[in-house]
Amino acid sequence: MSSDSPAPSLRSPLPPGDLHVTVVQQPTRVVVTARGELDLNTVARLGSAVAGHLGDRQDLVLDLGELTFIDSTGLRLLLRFRKHAADHATGLLVVTNERVRRILELAGMTALFDCVDRPLPYAPPIAAPAALAPVEQPV
């Protein structure tokens, strides 16, 4: 086995053109994770998942670190999330990977977002009372 081989993935691969979205509600923010391809065929799925939480006046962490592809419709959706955050004085953090970061750079959009690359540098959340515990909702 070569040392250049990629590490085995812990998650099963998605079919080409698919997007899996999960939402984790936390006390002061919502974390939305997208895995797969964000394009014309899947952008509505991510938009709907986030739209369900935009009225909560909570910060949004948009974890795109597991995307394998993003097209111009995905970039346009990011701009809509940015405008909403600015209009409502909420935070928006975009978690990226090398592919997503490169697309943002090519589009001249890196300066528009607070971005952090995977793996995330933060510690696990502090345990919350059961009523406030994060709830994962597959979308």
Protein backbone atom coordinates (compact mmCIF):
# COMPACT_ATOMS: atom_id res chain seq x y z
CA MET A 1 0.00 0.00 0.00
CA SER A 2 1.46 3.33 -1.04
CA SER A 3 1.79 6.17 1.44
CA ASP A 4 0.31 8.43 -1.27
CA SER A 5 -3.04 6.66 -1.07
CA PRO A 6 -5.86 8.81 0.29
CA ALA A 7 -7.16 7.96 3.72
CA PRO A 8 -10.28 5.82 3.61
CA SER A 9 -13.49 7.81 3.94
CA LEU A 10 -15.62 7.13 7.00
CA ARG A 11 -18.75 8.10 5.10
CA SER A 12 -20.16 6.27 2.14
CA PRO A 13 -19.78 8.18 -1.12
CA LEU A 14 -22.82 9.91 -2.52
CA PRO A 15 -23.98 9.23 -6.06
CA PRO A 16 -22.73 11.86 -8.54
CA GLY A 17 -24.93 14.94 -8.53
CA ASP A 18 -26.36 14.34 -5.05
CA LEU A 19 -26.28 16.60 -1.99
CA HIS A 20 -26.85 15.60 1.61
CA VAL A 21 -27.70 18.39 4.05
CA THR A 22 -27.83 18.19 7.84
CA VAL A 23 -28.87 20.89 10.27
CA VAL A 24 -27.69 21.03 13.87
CA GLN A 25 -29.45 23.60 16.04
CA GLN A 26 -27.29 25.00 18.83
CA PRO A 27 -28.26 27.61 21.44
CA THR A 28 -26.75 30.61 19.61
CA ARG A 29 -26.20 29.33 16.09
CA VAL A 30 -27.29 26.84 13.50
CA VAL A 31 -24.73 24.63 11.76
CA VAL A 32 -25.68 23.48 8.28
CA THR A 33 -23.43 20.88 6.67
CA ALA A 34 -23.58 20.12 2.96
CA ARG A 35 -21.92 17.02 1.52
CA GLY A 36 -21.74 16.18 -2.18
CA GLU A 37 -22.33 18.49 -5.15
CA LEU A 38 -23.85 21.96 -4.89
CA ASP A 39 -25.17 22.85 -8.31
CA LEU A 40 -28.29 23.84 -10.22
CA ASN A 41 -29.96 20.53 -9.38
CA THR A 42 -29.23 20.62 -5.64
CA VAL A 43 -29.02 24.29 -4.67
CA ALA A 44 -32.70 24.43 -3.68
CA ARG A 45 -32.13 21.67 -1.09
CA LEU A 46 -29.46 23.71 0.71
CA GLY A 47 -31.42 26.94 0.30
CA SER A 48 -34.51 25.38 1.87
CA ALA A 49 -32.57 23.91 4.78
CA VAL A 50 -31.01 27.27 5.62
CA ALA A 51 -34.18 29.29 4.97
CA GLY A 52 -35.95 27.33 7.69
CA HIS A 53 -33.54 28.85 10.23
CA LEU A 54 -32.83 32.34 8.89
CA GLY A 55 -35.65 33.92 10.84
CA ASP A 56 -34.18 32.72 14.12
CA ARG A 57 -31.71 35.65 14.35
CA GLN A 58 -28.97 33.16 15.01
CA ASP A 59 -25.52 33.00 13.51
CA LEU A 60 -25.10 30.57 10.63
CA VAL A 61 -22.17 28.21 10.23
CA LEU A 62 -22.29 26.90 6.69
CA ASP A 63 -20.03 23.85 6.55
CA LEU A 64 -19.08 23.22 2.93
CA GLY A 65 -16.00 21.23 3.86
CA GLU A 66 -17.45 18.04 2.41
CA LEU A 67 -18.49 19.47 -0.96
CA THR A 68 -16.91 17.88 -4.00
CA PHE A 69 -18.28 20.47 -6.45
CA ILE A 70 -19.86 23.93 -6.42
CA ASP A 71 -21.10 25.87 -9.44
CA SER A 72 -22.24 29.45 -10.01
CA THR A 73 -25.71 28.77 -8.60
CA GLY A 74 -24.06 27.64 -5.36
CA LEU A 75 -21.96 30.81 -5.31
CA ARG A 76 -25.08 32.90 -5.88
CA LEU A 77 -26.73 31.16 -2.91
CA LEU A 78 -23.72 32.02 -0.72
CA LEU A 79 -24.13 35.67 -1.71
CA ARG A 80 -27.81 35.53 -0.68
CA PHE A 81 -26.83 34.11 2.72
CA ARG A 82 -24.23 36.87 3.07
CA LYS A 83 -26.80 39.58 2.27
CA HIS A 84 -29.26 38.12 4.77
CA ALA A 85 -26.60 38.03 7.50
CA ALA A 86 -25.64 41.65 6.80
CA ASP A 87 -29.29 42.80 6.70
CA HIS A 88 -30.09 41.08 10.00
CA ALA A 89 -26.80 41.70 11.84
CA THR A 90 -26.07 38.01 12.26
CA GLY A 91 -22.82 36.14 11.71
CA LEU A 92 -21.98 33.90 8.79
CA LEU A 93 -19.01 31.55 8.87
CA VAL A 94 -18.23 29.43 5.82
CA VAL A 95 -16.23 26.26 6.40
CA THR A 96 -14.35 25.31 3.25
CA ASN A 97 -12.10 22.67 1.81
CA GLU A 98 -9.43 23.10 -0.84
CA ARG A 99 -11.91 22.81 -3.74
CA VAL A 100 -14.42 25.28 -2.34
CA ARG A 101 -11.70 27.74 -1.33
CA ARG A 102 -10.26 27.60 -4.87
CA ILE A 103 -13.66 28.31 -6.45
CA LEU A 104 -14.19 31.26 -4.11
CA GLU A 105 -10.72 32.56 -5.06
CA LEU A 106 -11.37 32.17 -8.80
CA ALA A 107 -14.69 33.99 -8.43
CA GLY A 108 -13.02 36.81 -6.45
CA MET A 109 -15.24 36.10 -3.44
CA THR A 110 -12.86 35.08 -0.64
CA ALA A 111 -12.80 38.58 0.82
CA LEU A 112 -16.60 38.56 1.09
CA PHE A 113 -16.81 35.72 3.60
CA ASP A 114 -15.35 34.75 6.94
CA CYS A 115 -13.88 31.38 5.98
CA VAL A 116 -12.12 28.65 7.87
CA ASP A 117 -10.73 25.51 6.28
CA ARG A 118 -11.34 21.99 7.46
CA PRO A 119 -10.44 20.42 9.75
CA LEU A 120 -12.12 22.81 12.12
CA PRO A 121 -9.86 24.23 14.81
CA TYR A 122 -12.47 24.53 17.54
CA ALA A 123 -13.05 22.28 20.55
CA PRO A 124 -16.23 20.24 20.97
CA PRO A 125 -19.20 22.24 22.30
CA ILE A 126 -19.79 22.42 26.02
CA ALA A 127 -22.49 20.01 27.12
CA ALA A 128 -25.83 21.77 27.24
CA PRO A 129 -28.92 20.87 29.26
CA ALA A 130 -31.12 18.36 27.44
CA ALA A 131 -33.54 21.11 26.39
CA LEU A 132 -30.71 22.98 24.67
CA ALA A 133 -28.77 20.01 23.31
CA PRO A 134 -28.03 20.17 19.57
CA VAL A 135 -30.56 18.29 17.49
CA GLU A 136 -29.43 16.93 14.13
CA GLN A 137 -32.10 17.09 11.45
CA PRO A 138 -31.34 15.42 8.11
CA VAL A 139 -32.83 17.42 5.29
